[in-house]
Amino acid sequence: MNQPLAYIHPEAKIAQNVVVEPFVTIHKNVEIGEGTWIGSNAVIMEGARIGRNCKIFPGAVVSSVPQDLKFAGEVTTTYVGDNTVIREFVTVSRGTIDKMKTVIGSNCLVMAYAHVAHDCTVGNSCIIGNAVQMAGHVEIGDYAIISATSAVHQFVKIGAHAFISGGSHVLKDVPPFVKAAREPLSYAGVNSVGMRRRGFGSEQINEIQQIYRILFMSGLNNTQALDTIELDLPPSRERDEVTNFLRSSGRGIIRSYFSKDAN
């Protein structure tokens, strides 16, 4: 760990087997777990809590001061879970008084040039593509994939196992298990390939497809669709995840590309 060409603040808490390459800067009030590698010219700023066996590539900046004019210097944090990879020139801002923390879960891949803004919460096993730009307060569920160069509006929620196509403008909430594509961003089917890769069976996938047929293809409004889903389909983890997501949506959800009011 002792790298004479790196600057490590004496108050930083770093496990013994962390590798710190030349020209890294690590500020005070930082904790880094066992087995993590910090590449040259990375900057780990105040409030960073980095887990075990992470890889932080050259030029990344983790836990920088939020780009929020309301930020008043409050002591906040950034959490990066175990086994997460943060590639070159990624920037991650720490939290503000709203949530007091920014969180990236375990087993995630955040590709080069992406930005994760203040108070965002990224779940476990997510993939954030090259140059994805996330505004503040965004919430992303486990196993979600956001493809390269997409821009995510502040306060947007993206459900677990969702897939967002490249170059998307994500202005509305994207429910769990769906593929979202086109402009404006619209429902384009369920993410059946991703779900099969993660062990979902045909019965589960068929149930999810039926949920979204009712929501997007029946001509019902969202309230009517929710009532129909809960009346016609038996309770299950997947059904409840979708209905809870819909009820908690603050910005409203994307529409279906196939419906008449999508354009």
C-alpha atoms as a PDB file:
ATOM      1  CA  MET A   1       0.000   0.000   0.000  1.00  0.00           C
ATOM      2  CA  ASN A   2       2.767   2.448   0.808  1.00  0.00           C
ATOM      3  CA  GLN A   3       3.343   4.268  -2.475  1.00  0.00           C
ATOM      4  CA  PRO A   4       5.845   7.121  -2.182  1.00  0.00           C
ATOM      5  CA  LEU A   5       4.463   8.874  -5.275  1.00  0.00           C
ATOM      6  CA  ALA A   6       0.873   8.914  -3.954  1.00  0.00           C
ATOM      7  CA  TYR A   7      -0.627  11.317  -1.413  1.00  0.00           C
ATOM      8  CA  ILE A   8      -2.566   9.536   1.338  1.00  0.00           C
ATOM      9  CA  HIS A   9      -3.949  11.630   4.184  1.00  0.00           C
ATOM     10  CA  PRO A  10      -2.791  10.237   7.527  1.00  0.00           C
ATOM     11  CA  GLU A  11      -6.383   9.999   8.777  1.00  0.00           C
ATOM     12  CA  ALA A  12      -7.530   7.824   5.860  1.00  0.00           C
ATOM     13  CA  LYS A  13      -8.390   4.245   6.880  1.00  0.00           C
ATOM     14  CA  ILE A  14      -7.010   1.870   4.295  1.00  0.00           C
ATOM     15  CA  ALA A  15      -6.757  -1.921   4.608  1.00  0.00           C
ATOM     16  CA  GLN A  16      -3.267  -3.374   4.522  1.00  0.00           C
ATOM     17  CA  ASN A  17      -3.601  -5.155   1.169  1.00  0.00           C
ATOM     18  CA  VAL A  18      -5.048  -2.238  -0.809  1.00  0.00           C
ATOM     19  CA  VAL A  19      -2.946  -1.364  -3.877  1.00  0.00           C
ATOM     20  CA  VAL A  20      -2.464   2.364  -4.421  1.00  0.00           C
ATOM     21  CA  GLU A  21      -0.718   3.221  -7.689  1.00  0.00           C
ATOM     22  CA  PRO A  22       1.527   6.294  -8.236  1.00  0.00           C
ATOM     23  CA  PHE A  23      -0.028   9.771  -8.273  1.00  0.00           C
ATOM     24  CA  VAL A  24      -3.217   8.751  -6.481  1.00  0.00           C
ATOM     25  CA  THR A  25      -4.681  11.304  -4.033  1.00  0.00           C
ATOM     26  CA  ILE A  26      -6.647  10.061  -1.027  1.00  0.00           C
ATOM     27  CA  HIS A  27      -8.197  12.658   1.276  1.00  0.00           C
ATOM     28  CA  LYS A  28      -9.111  12.449   4.963  1.00  0.00           C
ATOM     29  CA  ASN A  29     -12.290  10.750   6.184  1.00  0.00           C
ATOM     30  CA  VAL A  30     -11.883   7.955   3.639  1.00  0.00           C
ATOM     31  CA  GLU A  31     -12.232   4.209   4.215  1.00  0.00           C
ATOM     32  CA  ILE A  32     -11.085   1.607   1.679  1.00  0.00           C
ATOM     33  CA  GLY A  33     -11.656  -2.134   2.121  1.00  0.00           C
ATOM     34  CA  GLU A  34      -9.382  -5.119   1.609  1.00  0.00           C
ATOM     35  CA  GLY A  35      -8.184  -6.097  -1.832  1.00  0.00           C
ATOM     36  CA  THR A  36      -9.169  -2.875  -3.578  1.00  0.00           C
ATOM     37  CA  TRP A  37      -6.996  -1.417  -6.328  1.00  0.00           C
ATOM     38  CA  ILE A  38      -6.743   2.355  -6.911  1.00  0.00           C
ATOM     39  CA  GLY A  39      -5.291   3.261 -10.322  1.00  0.00           C
ATOM     40  CA  SER A  40      -2.905   6.114 -11.046  1.00  0.00           C
ATOM     41  CA  ASN A  41      -4.308   9.656 -10.924  1.00  0.00           C
ATOM     42  CA  ALA A  42      -7.544   8.592  -9.262  1.00  0.00           C
ATOM     43  CA  VAL A  43      -8.772  10.961  -6.550  1.00  0.00           C
ATOM     44  CA  ILE A  44     -10.665   9.622  -3.535  1.00  0.00           C
ATOM     45  CA  MET A  45     -12.174  12.565  -1.690  1.00  0.00           C
ATOM     46  CA  GLU A  46     -13.673  13.145   1.751  1.00  0.00           C
ATOM     47  CA  GLY A  47     -16.541  10.905   2.743  1.00  0.00           C
ATOM     48  CA  ALA A  48     -15.686   7.963   0.481  1.00  0.00           C
ATOM     49  CA  ARG A  49     -16.475   4.487   1.820  1.00  0.00           C
ATOM     50  CA  ILE A  50     -15.135   1.981  -0.690  1.00  0.00           C
ATOM     51  CA  GLY A  51     -15.704  -1.732  -0.143  1.00  0.00           C
ATOM     52  CA  ARG A  52     -13.566  -4.795  -0.667  1.00  0.00           C
ATOM     53  CA  ASN A  53     -12.046  -5.958  -3.958  1.00  0.00           C
ATOM     54  CA  CYS A  54     -13.073  -2.868  -5.890  1.00  0.00           C
ATOM     55  CA  LYS A  55     -11.179  -1.478  -8.867  1.00  0.00           C
ATOM     56  CA  ILE A  56     -10.982   2.301  -9.295  1.00  0.00           C
ATOM     57  CA  PHE A  57      -9.369   3.080 -12.657  1.00  0.00           C
ATOM     58  CA  PRO A  58      -7.088   6.018 -13.533  1.00  0.00           C
ATOM     59  CA  GLY A  59      -8.618   9.469 -13.557  1.00  0.00           C
ATOM     60  CA  ALA A  60     -11.750   8.569 -11.594  1.00  0.00           C
ATOM     61  CA  VAL A  61     -12.926  10.991  -8.899  1.00  0.00           C
ATOM     62  CA  VAL A  62     -14.990   9.455  -6.100  1.00  0.00           C
ATOM     63  CA  SER A  63     -16.913  11.478  -3.474  1.00  0.00           C
ATOM     64  CA  SER A  64     -16.383  14.960  -4.881  1.00  0.00           C
ATOM     65  CA  VAL A  65     -18.341  17.937  -3.551  1.00  0.00           C
ATOM     66  CA  PRO A  66     -21.890  17.907  -5.021  1.00  0.00           C
ATOM     67  CA  GLN A  67     -22.679  20.063  -8.030  1.00  0.00           C
ATOM     68  CA  ASP A  68     -25.685  21.452  -6.195  1.00  0.00           C
ATOM     69  CA  LEU A  69     -25.980  25.156  -5.387  1.00  0.00           C
ATOM     70  CA  LYS A  70     -27.927  24.278  -2.234  1.00  0.00           C
ATOM     71  CA  PHE A  71     -24.999  22.324  -0.808  1.00  0.00           C
ATOM     72  CA  ALA A  72     -23.755  24.112   2.308  1.00  0.00           C
ATOM     73  CA  GLY A  73     -20.746  22.010   3.264  1.00  0.00           C
ATOM     74  CA  GLU A  74     -22.615  19.399   5.277  1.00  0.00           C
ATOM     75  CA  VAL A  75     -20.651  16.241   6.129  1.00  0.00           C
ATOM     76  CA  THR A  76     -21.915  13.572   3.739  1.00  0.00           C
ATOM     77  CA  THR A  77     -20.657  10.321   2.252  1.00  0.00           C
ATOM     78  CA  THR A  78     -20.305   8.160  -0.831  1.00  0.00           C
ATOM     79  CA  TYR A  79     -20.636   4.380  -0.518  1.00  0.00           C
ATOM     80  CA  VAL A  80     -19.213   1.953  -3.097  1.00  0.00           C
ATOM     81  CA  GLY A  81     -20.023  -1.698  -2.467  1.00  0.00           C
ATOM     82  CA  ASP A  82     -17.757  -4.738  -2.694  1.00  0.00           C
ATOM     83  CA  ASN A  83     -16.426  -5.965  -6.066  1.00  0.00           C
ATOM     84  CA  THR A  84     -17.536  -2.855  -7.932  1.00  0.00           C
ATOM     85  CA  VAL A  85     -15.496  -1.539 -10.855  1.00  0.00           C
ATOM     86  CA  ILE A  86     -15.313   2.192 -11.575  1.00  0.00           C
ATOM     87  CA  ARG A  87     -13.619   2.841 -14.900  1.00  0.00           C
ATOM     88  CA  GLU A  88     -11.562   5.731 -16.249  1.00  0.00           C
ATOM     89  CA  PHE A  89     -12.691   9.312 -15.552  1.00  0.00           C
ATOM     90  CA  VAL A  90     -15.927   8.371 -13.811  1.00  0.00           C
ATOM     91  CA  THR A  91     -17.090  11.089 -11.403  1.00  0.00           C
ATOM     92  CA  VAL A  92     -19.197  10.344  -8.323  1.00  0.00           C
ATOM     93  CA  SER A  93     -20.480  13.160  -6.104  1.00  0.00           C
ATOM     94  CA  ARG A  94     -21.199  12.669  -2.421  1.00  0.00           C
ATOM     95  CA  GLY A  95     -24.614  13.304  -0.898  1.00  0.00           C
ATOM     96  CA  THR A  96     -26.334  16.462   0.259  1.00  0.00           C
ATOM     97  CA  ILE A  97     -28.656  17.128   3.183  1.00  0.00           C
ATOM     98  CA  ASP A  98     -31.432  15.366   1.250  1.00  0.00           C
ATOM     99  CA  LYS A  99     -30.130  11.805   1.715  1.00  0.00           C
ATOM    100  CA  MET A 100     -26.693  12.519   3.188  1.00  0.00           C
ATOM    101  CA  LYS A 101     -25.132   9.892   0.926  1.00  0.00           C
ATOM    102  CA  THR A 102     -24.616   8.671  -2.608  1.00  0.00           C
ATOM    103  CA  VAL A 103     -24.628   4.881  -2.981  1.00  0.00           C
ATOM    104  CA  ILE A 104     -23.287   2.526  -5.641  1.00  0.00           C
ATOM    105  CA  GLY A 105     -23.975  -1.086  -4.721  1.00  0.00           C
ATOM    106  CA  SER A 106     -21.868  -4.238  -4.896  1.00  0.00           C
ATOM    107  CA  ASN A 107     -20.804  -6.053  -8.083  1.00  0.00           C
ATOM    108  CA  CYS A 108     -21.519  -3.035 -10.288  1.00  0.00           C
ATOM    109  CA  LEU A 109     -19.673  -1.867 -13.396  1.00  0.00           C
ATOM    110  CA  VAL A 110     -19.589   1.885 -13.987  1.00  0.00           C
ATOM    111  CA  MET A 111     -17.975   2.466 -17.379  1.00  0.00           C
ATOM    112  CA  ALA A 112     -15.689   5.287 -18.464  1.00  0.00           C
ATOM    113  CA  TYR A 113     -16.774   8.941 -18.301  1.00  0.00           C
ATOM    114  CA  ALA A 114     -20.048   8.209 -16.495  1.00  0.00           C
ATOM    115  CA  HIS A 115     -21.291  10.673 -13.861  1.00  0.00           C
ATOM    116  CA  VAL A 116     -23.216   9.645 -10.742  1.00  0.00           C
ATOM    117  CA  ALA A 117     -24.550  12.798  -9.091  1.00  0.00           C
ATOM    118  CA  HIS A 118     -25.328  13.594  -5.464  1.00  0.00           C
ATOM    119  CA  ASP A 119     -27.868  11.508  -3.547  1.00  0.00           C
ATOM    120  CA  CYS A 120     -28.148   8.852  -6.265  1.00  0.00           C
ATOM    121  CA  THR A 121     -28.738   5.252  -5.239  1.00  0.00           C
ATOM    122  CA  VAL A 122     -27.523   2.534  -7.597  1.00  0.00           C
ATOM    123  CA  GLY A 123     -28.448  -1.032  -6.637  1.00  0.00           C
ATOM    124  CA  ASN A 124     -26.350  -4.182  -6.793  1.00  0.00           C
ATOM    125  CA  SER A 125     -25.076  -5.808 -10.001  1.00  0.00           C
ATOM    126  CA  CYS A 126     -25.933  -2.798 -12.181  1.00  0.00           C
ATOM    127  CA  ILE A 127     -24.136  -1.803 -15.380  1.00  0.00           C
ATOM    128  CA  ILE A 128     -23.821   1.910 -16.114  1.00  0.00           C
ATOM    129  CA  GLY A 129     -22.561   2.370 -19.677  1.00  0.00           C
ATOM    130  CA  ASN A 130     -19.906   4.698 -21.054  1.00  0.00           C
ATOM    131  CA  ALA A 131     -20.679   8.409 -20.564  1.00  0.00           C
ATOM    132  CA  VAL A 132     -24.051   7.857 -18.900  1.00  0.00           C
ATOM    133  CA  GLN A 133     -24.966  11.097 -17.108  1.00  0.00           C
ATOM    134  CA  MET A 134     -27.096  10.756 -13.981  1.00  0.00           C
ATOM    135  CA  ALA A 135     -28.539  13.861 -12.328  1.00  0.00           C
ATOM    136  CA  GLY A 136     -29.166  14.071  -8.597  1.00  0.00           C
ATOM    137  CA  HIS A 137     -31.498  11.860  -6.553  1.00  0.00           C
ATOM    138  CA  VAL A 138     -31.786   9.130  -9.215  1.00  0.00           C
ATOM    139  CA  GLU A 139     -32.674   5.625  -7.949  1.00  0.00           C
ATOM    140  CA  ILE A 140     -31.697   2.506  -9.878  1.00  0.00           C
ATOM    141  CA  GLY A 141     -32.775  -1.017  -8.914  1.00  0.00           C
ATOM    142  CA  ASP A 142     -30.649  -4.159  -8.815  1.00  0.00           C
ATOM    143  CA  TYR A 143     -29.431  -5.653 -12.123  1.00  0.00           C
ATOM    144  CA  ALA A 144     -30.533  -2.647 -14.167  1.00  0.00           C
ATOM    145  CA  ILE A 145     -28.514  -1.790 -17.281  1.00  0.00           C
ATOM    146  CA  ILE A 146     -28.271   1.754 -18.633  1.00  0.00           C
ATOM    147  CA  SER A 147     -26.579   1.764 -22.017  1.00  0.00           C
ATOM    148  CA  ALA A 148     -23.945   4.225 -23.190  1.00  0.00           C
ATOM    149  CA  THR A 149     -24.471   8.005 -23.438  1.00  0.00           C
ATOM    150  CA  SER A 150     -27.923   7.961 -21.843  1.00  0.00           C
ATOM    151  CA  ALA A 151     -28.959  10.965 -19.745  1.00  0.00           C
ATOM    152  CA  VAL A 152     -31.110  10.389 -16.646  1.00  0.00           C
ATOM    153  CA  HIS A 153     -33.206  13.282 -15.293  1.00  0.00           C
ATOM    154  CA  GLN A 154     -33.069  14.132 -11.592  1.00  0.00           C
ATOM    155  CA  PHE A 155     -35.411  12.154  -9.292  1.00  0.00           C
ATOM    156  CA  VAL A 156     -36.039   9.484 -11.935  1.00  0.00           C
ATOM    157  CA  LYS A 157     -36.453   5.889 -10.742  1.00  0.00           C
ATOM    158  CA  ILE A 158     -35.393   2.898 -12.818  1.00  0.00           C
ATOM    159  CA  GLY A 159     -36.670  -0.485 -11.656  1.00  0.00           C
ATOM    160  CA  ALA A 160     -34.746  -3.692 -11.073  1.00  0.00           C
ATOM    161  CA  HIS A 161     -33.784  -5.741 -14.155  1.00  0.00           C
ATOM    162  CA  ALA A 162     -34.707  -2.897 -16.511  1.00  0.00           C
ATOM    163  CA  PHE A 163     -32.711  -2.290 -19.693  1.00  0.00           C
ATOM    164  CA  ILE A 164     -32.305   1.215 -21.147  1.00  0.00           C
ATOM    165  CA  SER A 165     -31.110   1.488 -24.742  1.00  0.00           C
ATOM    166  CA  GLY A 166     -28.096   3.597 -25.718  1.00  0.00           C
ATOM    167  CA  GLY A 167     -28.416   7.355 -26.086  1.00  0.00           C
ATOM    168  CA  SER A 168     -31.729   7.528 -24.250  1.00  0.00           C
ATOM    169  CA  HIS A 169     -33.215  10.582 -22.560  1.00  0.00           C
ATOM    170  CA  VAL A 170     -34.719   9.138 -19.380  1.00  0.00           C
ATOM    171  CA  LEU A 171     -37.263  11.742 -18.290  1.00  0.00           C
ATOM    172  CA  LYS A 172     -39.850   9.443 -16.697  1.00  0.00           C
ATOM    173  CA  ASP A 173     -39.662   6.470 -14.348  1.00  0.00           C
ATOM    174  CA  VAL A 174     -38.902   3.107 -15.961  1.00  0.00           C
ATOM    175  CA  PRO A 175     -40.672   0.155 -14.271  1.00  0.00           C
ATOM    176  CA  PRO A 176     -38.935  -3.097 -13.316  1.00  0.00           C
ATOM    177  CA  PHE A 177     -38.222  -5.885 -15.821  1.00  0.00           C
ATOM    178  CA  VAL A 178     -38.789  -3.809 -18.972  1.00  0.00           C
ATOM    179  CA  LYS A 179     -36.815  -2.778 -22.021  1.00  0.00           C
ATOM    180  CA  ALA A 180     -37.022   0.941 -22.761  1.00  0.00           C
ATOM    181  CA  ALA A 181     -36.025   2.403 -26.127  1.00  0.00           C
ATOM    182  CA  ARG A 182     -36.857   4.901 -28.875  1.00  0.00           C
ATOM    183  CA  GLU A 183     -37.523   8.634 -28.618  1.00  0.00           C
ATOM    184  CA  PRO A 184     -39.380   9.620 -26.549  1.00  0.00           C
ATOM    185  CA  LEU A 185     -38.272   6.771 -24.313  1.00  0.00           C
ATOM    186  CA  SER A 186     -41.007   4.134 -24.352  1.00  0.00           C
ATOM    187  CA  TYR A 187     -41.843   0.628 -23.206  1.00  0.00           C
ATOM    188  CA  ALA A 188     -40.516  -1.803 -25.830  1.00  0.00           C
ATOM    189  CA  GLY A 189     -41.215  -5.166 -24.183  1.00  0.00           C
ATOM    190  CA  VAL A 190     -39.937  -7.063 -21.172  1.00  0.00           C
ATOM    191  CA  ASN A 191     -36.263  -7.769 -20.622  1.00  0.00           C
ATOM    192  CA  SER A 192     -36.682 -11.513 -21.139  1.00  0.00           C
ATOM    193  CA  VAL A 193     -33.055 -12.116 -22.191  1.00  0.00           C
ATOM    194  CA  GLY A 194     -31.682 -10.423 -19.093  1.00  0.00           C
ATOM    195  CA  MET A 195     -34.140 -12.215 -16.822  1.00  0.00           C
ATOM    196  CA  ARG A 196     -33.302 -15.642 -18.255  1.00  0.00           C
ATOM    197  CA  ARG A 197     -29.615 -14.957 -17.706  1.00  0.00           C
ATOM    198  CA  ARG A 198     -30.421 -14.311 -14.031  1.00  0.00           C
ATOM    199  CA  GLY A 199     -32.457 -17.472 -13.501  1.00  0.00           C
ATOM    200  CA  PHE A 200     -36.032 -16.371 -14.134  1.00  0.00           C
ATOM    201  CA  GLY A 201     -38.202 -19.214 -15.381  1.00  0.00           C
ATOM    202  CA  SER A 202     -40.708 -19.124 -18.236  1.00  0.00           C
ATOM    203  CA  GLU A 203     -43.641 -18.943 -15.841  1.00  0.00           C
ATOM    204  CA  GLN A 204     -42.226 -15.853 -14.123  1.00  0.00           C
ATOM    205  CA  ILE A 205     -41.447 -14.149 -17.436  1.00  0.00           C
ATOM    206  CA  ASN A 206     -44.927 -14.934 -18.780  1.00  0.00           C
ATOM    207  CA  GLU A 207     -46.464 -13.422 -15.643  1.00  0.00           C
ATOM    208  CA  ILE A 208     -44.419 -10.240 -16.085  1.00  0.00           C
ATOM    209  CA  GLN A 209     -45.451 -10.042 -19.739  1.00  0.00           C
ATOM    210  CA  GLN A 210     -49.097 -10.329 -18.719  1.00  0.00           C
ATOM    211  CA  ILE A 211     -48.663  -7.524 -16.157  1.00  0.00           C
ATOM    212  CA  TYR A 212     -47.313  -5.198 -18.829  1.00  0.00           C
ATOM    213  CA  ARG A 213     -49.948  -6.198 -21.380  1.00  0.00           C
ATOM    214  CA  ILE A 214     -52.541  -4.965 -18.900  1.00  0.00           C
ATOM    215  CA  LEU A 215     -50.570  -1.825 -18.059  1.00  0.00           C
ATOM    216  CA  PHE A 216     -49.532  -0.779 -21.548  1.00  0.00           C
ATOM    217  CA  MET A 217     -51.736  -2.559 -24.094  1.00  0.00           C
ATOM    218  CA  SER A 218     -55.232  -2.679 -22.596  1.00  0.00           C
ATOM    219  CA  GLY A 219     -56.189   0.986 -23.046  1.00  0.00           C
ATOM    220  CA  LEU A 220     -56.678   1.403 -19.296  1.00  0.00           C
ATOM    221  CA  ASN A 221     -55.233   4.316 -17.370  1.00  0.00           C
ATOM    222  CA  ASN A 222     -52.613   3.523 -14.743  1.00  0.00           C
ATOM    223  CA  THR A 223     -55.067   3.405 -11.827  1.00  0.00           C
ATOM    224  CA  GLN A 224     -57.439   1.109 -13.702  1.00  0.00           C
ATOM    225  CA  ALA A 225     -54.543  -1.081 -14.834  1.00  0.00           C
ATOM    226  CA  LEU A 226     -53.242  -1.414 -11.269  1.00  0.00           C
ATOM    227  CA  ASP A 227     -56.677  -2.476 -10.054  1.00  0.00           C
ATOM    228  CA  THR A 228     -56.968  -5.023 -12.859  1.00  0.00           C
ATOM    229  CA  ILE A 229     -53.481  -6.442 -12.245  1.00  0.00           C
ATOM    230  CA  GLU A 230     -54.202  -6.945  -8.553  1.00  0.00           C
ATOM    231  CA  LEU A 231     -57.662  -8.396  -9.218  1.00  0.00           C
ATOM    232  CA  ASP A 232     -56.787 -10.747 -12.086  1.00  0.00           C
ATOM    233  CA  LEU A 233     -53.261 -11.912 -11.200  1.00  0.00           C
ATOM    234  CA  PRO A 234     -52.297 -13.827  -8.043  1.00  0.00           C
ATOM    235  CA  PRO A 235     -49.846 -12.224  -5.615  1.00  0.00           C
ATOM    236  CA  SER A 236     -46.178 -12.856  -6.378  1.00  0.00           C
ATOM    237  CA  ARG A 237     -42.868 -11.160  -5.744  1.00  0.00           C
ATOM    238  CA  GLU A 238     -42.724  -9.902  -9.332  1.00  0.00           C
ATOM    239  CA  ARG A 239     -46.319  -8.630  -9.384  1.00  0.00           C
ATOM    240  CA  ASP A 240     -45.868  -6.827  -6.089  1.00  0.00           C
ATOM    241  CA  GLU A 241     -42.550  -5.296  -7.190  1.00  0.00           C
ATOM    242  CA  VAL A 242     -44.219  -3.803 -10.251  1.00  0.00           C
ATOM    243  CA  THR A 243     -47.326  -2.539  -8.452  1.00  0.00           C
ATOM    244  CA  ASN A 244     -45.315  -1.035  -5.587  1.00  0.00           C
ATOM    245  CA  PHE A 245     -43.049   0.703  -8.094  1.00  0.00           C
ATOM    246  CA  LEU A 246     -46.007   2.160  -9.972  1.00  0.00           C
ATOM    247  CA  ARG A 247     -47.627   3.450  -6.803  1.00  0.00           C
ATOM    248  CA  SER A 248     -44.416   5.104  -5.615  1.00  0.00           C
ATOM    249  CA  SER A 249     -43.607   6.795  -8.931  1.00  0.00           C
ATOM    250  CA  GLY A 250     -43.089  10.509  -8.472  1.00  0.00           C
ATOM    251  CA  ARG A 251     -42.441  11.563 -12.074  1.00  0.00           C
ATOM    252  CA  GLY A 252     -44.860   9.218 -13.783  1.00  0.00           C
ATOM    253  CA  ILE A 253     -43.835   6.239 -15.897  1.00  0.00           C
ATOM    254  CA  ILE A 254     -42.843   5.916 -19.527  1.00  0.00           C
ATOM    255  CA  ARG A 255     -45.576   5.116 -22.038  1.00  0.00           C
ATOM    256  CA  SER A 256     -45.740   2.239 -24.477  1.00  0.00           C
ATOM    257  CA  TYR A 257     -44.322   2.724 -27.951  1.00  0.00           C
ATOM    258  CA  PHE A 258     -47.202   0.598 -29.199  1.00  0.00           C
ATOM    259  CA  SER A 259     -49.997   2.651 -27.638  1.00  0.00           C
ATOM    260  CA  LYS A 260     -51.743   5.486 -29.459  1.00  0.00           C
ATOM    261  CA  ASP A 261     -50.724   8.129 -26.897  1.00  0.00           C
ATOM    262  CA  ALA A 262     -46.998   7.291 -26.923  1.00  0.00           C
ATOM    263  CA  ASN A 263     -46.115   9.926 -29.534  1.00  0.00           C
END
